[in-house]
Each structure stands twice: as structure tokens, then as C-alpha cells.
């Protein structure tokens, strides 16, 4: 495992998977909290996954961590009504966990094809609050067959988050 800290605050650590290939962040996303973007493969046969990690400040909330995680559920459901959303207890504390199934459309200009390319995708997002920050981990894979790997890896990555002072 690789511990990432080049783009995230010193107080936040995450154990990246073996074979993780970092990609440059798109312009303007670092200012919005994006810290890590890349891809990797897991399993046999290998499943190709994409990873995004962001860190955002939380307004001061003098609440227990489980209450903070729970308070994230309703706003998340408003933004993503088709997602399955709930609070899960990870080794490092409570977290919001969301699972989305859908599609990603690539315009012909990007692919060189005559028509839009439709890619099925599944995404698991885990938001780990510590009272001061929110660490958002997004793992995406292609197609419905990859959903167990997407969910397992998102959960493993979220459980590896260590937040210090």
C-alpha cells in the first residue's frame, strides 16, 4: 500500500492500492477540494477502477461523529435522489456511504466516433467526517459486474483514512 499525502493536508492519510496510477487534476478542481485522481485494477480477472479523493472543511459542529455523518445523508439524497445512501460504521468511525448506478456519456468530439459513446458505470462514494473536515472518496467502475469490487475498494479506502491533528 502507498500512503498518499502529496496533495492532501498533512493531517489526512489514505492507503492507496498497489498499482495506483496518478492522473493530473483537471483545471480548477483543486480549488474545489479535489486532491487525488487516478486509476488502478484489482481482482482476478482484473477490474479497472477510477479513484477520486477530495477534502473539504466542515462548519464547526459540536456533535458526535455519528451525528455529523447522519446529518450528511439528507442533503446528499437531495443532490442524488437515485443513490442508495446511509451511514456505515467503519474501523475509523462513522461515514456516509452512497452507491450509484448509471451511465457516463462521452461526446463524439472526445472519442472520434460518429455517435456518443455510452459507458455503464457504478460509483461508490464514502464521506468520512472528523468534525473539522470531510474526506470524500469516490470509486467508479464500468458496468454492473464490477459493483462488488467498487463497493469493497471504496469501503477499504475509506477505512484506511487516518485523520490527525
Protein backbone atom coordinates (compact mmCIF):
# COMPACT_ATOMS: atom_id res chain seq x y z
CA UNK A 1 0.00 0.00 0.00
CA UNK A 2 1.06 3.54 -0.71
CA UNK A 3 0.18 6.35 1.65
CA UNK A 4 -0.82 9.46 -0.23
CA UNK A 5 -0.03 12.82 1.18
CA UNK A 6 1.49 14.86 -1.62
CA UNK A 7 -1.80 16.58 -2.44
CA UNK A 8 -3.76 16.25 0.77
CA UNK A 9 -3.26 18.06 4.07
CA UNK A 10 -0.54 16.58 6.30
CA UNK A 11 -3.15 15.56 8.84
CA UNK A 12 -5.05 13.31 6.37
CA UNK A 13 -3.66 9.98 5.15
CA UNK A 14 -5.14 7.29 2.87
CA UNK A 15 -3.68 3.92 1.87
CA UNK A 16 -3.74 3.82 -1.93
CA UNK A 17 -3.97 0.44 -3.68
CA UNK A 18 -0.97 -1.27 -5.27
CA UNK A 19 -0.57 -0.23 -8.89
CA UNK A 20 -2.32 3.11 -8.41
CA UNK A 21 -1.58 5.40 -11.38
CA UNK A 22 -1.98 9.07 -10.53
CA UNK A 23 -3.56 11.37 -13.11
CA UNK A 24 -3.36 15.17 -13.26
CA UNK A 25 -6.27 17.01 -11.68
CA UNK A 26 -8.46 18.92 -14.14
CA UNK A 27 -8.08 22.70 -14.00
CA UNK A 28 -9.95 24.31 -11.12
CA UNK A 29 -10.75 21.12 -9.23
CA UNK A 30 -8.00 21.56 -6.61
CA UNK A 31 -9.64 24.82 -5.54
CA UNK A 32 -12.87 22.85 -5.01
CA UNK A 33 -11.16 20.32 -2.73
CA UNK A 34 -10.03 17.62 -5.20
CA UNK A 35 -6.72 16.12 -4.07
CA UNK A 36 -6.14 12.77 -5.80
CA UNK A 37 -7.28 11.40 -9.15
CA UNK A 38 -6.14 8.16 -10.74
CA UNK A 39 -6.85 4.59 -11.72
CA UNK A 40 -5.93 1.07 -10.66
CA UNK A 41 -7.02 -2.53 -11.15
CA UNK A 42 -7.95 -5.15 -8.55
CA UNK A 43 -9.06 -8.76 -8.56
CA UNK A 44 -8.65 -11.77 -10.82
CA UNK A 45 -9.74 -11.20 -13.51
CA UNK A 46 -8.74 -7.56 -13.00
CA UNK A 47 -11.44 -4.93 -12.66
CA UNK A 48 -10.37 -1.44 -13.72
CA UNK A 49 -11.42 1.28 -11.27
CA UNK A 50 -11.07 5.06 -11.06
CA UNK A 51 -10.42 6.87 -7.77
CA UNK A 52 -11.03 10.45 -6.74
CA UNK A 53 -10.30 11.86 -3.29
CA UNK A 54 -11.28 15.28 -2.02
CA UNK A 55 -11.02 17.11 1.29
CA UNK A 56 -13.45 19.83 2.31
CA UNK A 57 -13.80 21.85 5.50
CA UNK A 58 -16.89 21.27 7.63
CA UNK A 59 -18.62 24.05 9.52
CA UNK A 60 -17.99 23.73 13.26
CA UNK A 61 -20.40 21.11 14.61
CA UNK A 62 -20.04 20.23 18.29
CA UNK A 63 -21.67 16.84 17.66
CA UNK A 64 -20.55 13.21 17.92
CA UNK A 65 -19.11 11.82 14.66
CA UNK A 66 -22.15 9.59 14.07
CA UNK A 67 -24.45 12.64 14.26
CA UNK A 68 -22.24 14.51 11.77
CA UNK A 69 -22.29 11.55 9.35
CA UNK A 70 -26.06 11.26 9.76
CA UNK A 71 -26.51 14.98 9.07
CA UNK A 72 -24.90 14.47 5.65
CA UNK A 73 -27.50 11.94 4.47
CA UNK A 74 -30.47 14.24 3.73
CA UNK A 75 -28.53 16.84 1.71
CA UNK A 76 -26.82 14.03 -0.20
CA UNK A 77 -30.18 12.42 -1.06
CA UNK A 78 -31.44 15.78 -2.30
CA UNK A 79 -28.48 16.09 -4.69
CA UNK A 80 -28.53 12.41 -5.73
CA UNK A 81 -32.10 11.07 -5.41
CA UNK A 82 -31.37 7.78 -7.21
CA UNK A 83 -28.46 6.84 -4.92
CA UNK A 84 -28.65 4.33 -2.10
CA UNK A 85 -27.43 6.32 0.92
CA UNK A 86 -26.83 5.51 4.56
CA UNK A 87 -24.39 5.69 7.46
CA UNK A 88 -21.94 2.84 7.99
CA UNK A 89 -19.56 2.23 10.87
CA UNK A 90 -16.01 1.82 9.56
CA UNK A 91 -12.93 0.98 11.60
CA UNK A 92 -12.08 4.69 11.77
CA UNK A 93 -15.61 5.81 12.66
CA UNK A 94 -18.98 6.52 11.06
CA UNK A 95 -19.21 7.57 7.41
CA UNK A 96 -21.83 8.37 4.83
CA UNK A 97 -21.83 5.66 2.15
CA UNK A 98 -23.60 6.10 -1.19
CA UNK A 99 -23.93 3.76 -4.16
CA UNK A 100 -24.94 4.97 -7.63
CA UNK A 101 -25.62 3.00 -10.81
CA UNK A 102 -25.87 4.86 -14.07
CA UNK A 103 -24.10 5.76 -17.24
CA UNK A 104 -21.44 8.11 -18.47
CA UNK A 105 -21.78 9.65 -21.92
CA UNK A 106 -18.73 10.64 -23.94
CA UNK A 107 -19.43 13.09 -26.78
CA UNK A 108 -18.18 12.18 -30.28
CA UNK A 109 -15.64 15.04 -30.13
CA UNK A 110 -13.75 13.22 -27.35
CA UNK A 111 -13.83 9.73 -28.83
CA UNK A 112 -13.57 10.42 -32.56
CA UNK A 113 -16.63 8.23 -33.09
CA UNK A 114 -19.69 9.25 -35.07
CA UNK A 115 -22.02 8.82 -32.15
CA UNK A 116 -21.98 9.41 -28.43
CA UNK A 117 -20.29 6.57 -26.51
CA UNK A 118 -22.38 5.27 -23.63
CA UNK A 119 -20.45 3.65 -20.78
CA UNK A 120 -22.27 1.96 -17.92
CA UNK A 121 -20.80 2.81 -14.54
CA UNK A 122 -21.18 2.21 -10.88
CA UNK A 123 -19.86 4.56 -8.24
CA UNK A 124 -19.42 4.23 -4.50
CA UNK A 125 -18.80 7.39 -2.52
CA UNK A 126 -17.76 7.42 1.12
CA UNK A 127 -17.64 10.63 3.13
CA UNK A 128 -15.58 10.41 6.33
CA UNK A 129 -16.15 13.35 8.72
CA UNK A 130 -13.87 14.15 11.65
CA UNK A 131 -15.71 17.24 12.88
CA UNK A 132 -13.40 19.66 11.04
CA UNK A 133 -13.05 18.12 7.57
CA UNK A 134 -14.85 15.81 5.24
CA UNK A 135 -12.75 13.32 3.26
CA UNK A 136 -14.67 12.23 0.16
CA UNK A 137 -13.62 9.03 -1.60
CA UNK A 138 -15.19 8.18 -4.94
CA UNK A 139 -14.50 4.84 -6.66
CA UNK A 140 -16.00 4.25 -10.10
CA UNK A 141 -16.03 1.17 -12.30
CA UNK A 142 -17.50 0.27 -15.65
CA UNK A 143 -20.60 -1.87 -15.78
CA UNK A 144 -22.83 -3.66 -13.32
CA UNK A 145 -20.49 -6.67 -13.00
CA UNK A 146 -17.90 -4.52 -11.24
CA UNK A 147 -20.11 -3.28 -8.42
CA UNK A 148 -18.78 -5.69 -5.76
CA UNK A 149 -15.19 -4.53 -6.46
CA UNK A 150 -16.26 -0.85 -6.49
CA UNK A 151 -18.03 -1.10 -3.15
CA UNK A 152 -15.34 -3.24 -1.50
CA UNK A 153 -12.50 -0.97 -2.61
CA UNK A 154 -14.33 2.25 -1.68
CA UNK A 155 -15.01 0.83 1.78
CA UNK A 156 -11.40 -0.36 2.18
CA UNK A 157 -10.02 3.03 1.11
CA UNK A 158 -12.41 4.89 3.42
CA UNK A 159 -11.43 2.61 6.30
CA UNK A 160 -7.77 3.44 5.65
CA UNK A 161 -8.30 7.18 6.11
CA UNK A 162 -6.38 8.46 9.10
CA UNK A 163 -7.06 11.98 10.28
CA UNK A 164 -4.70 13.54 12.79
CA UNK A 165 -4.41 16.94 14.38
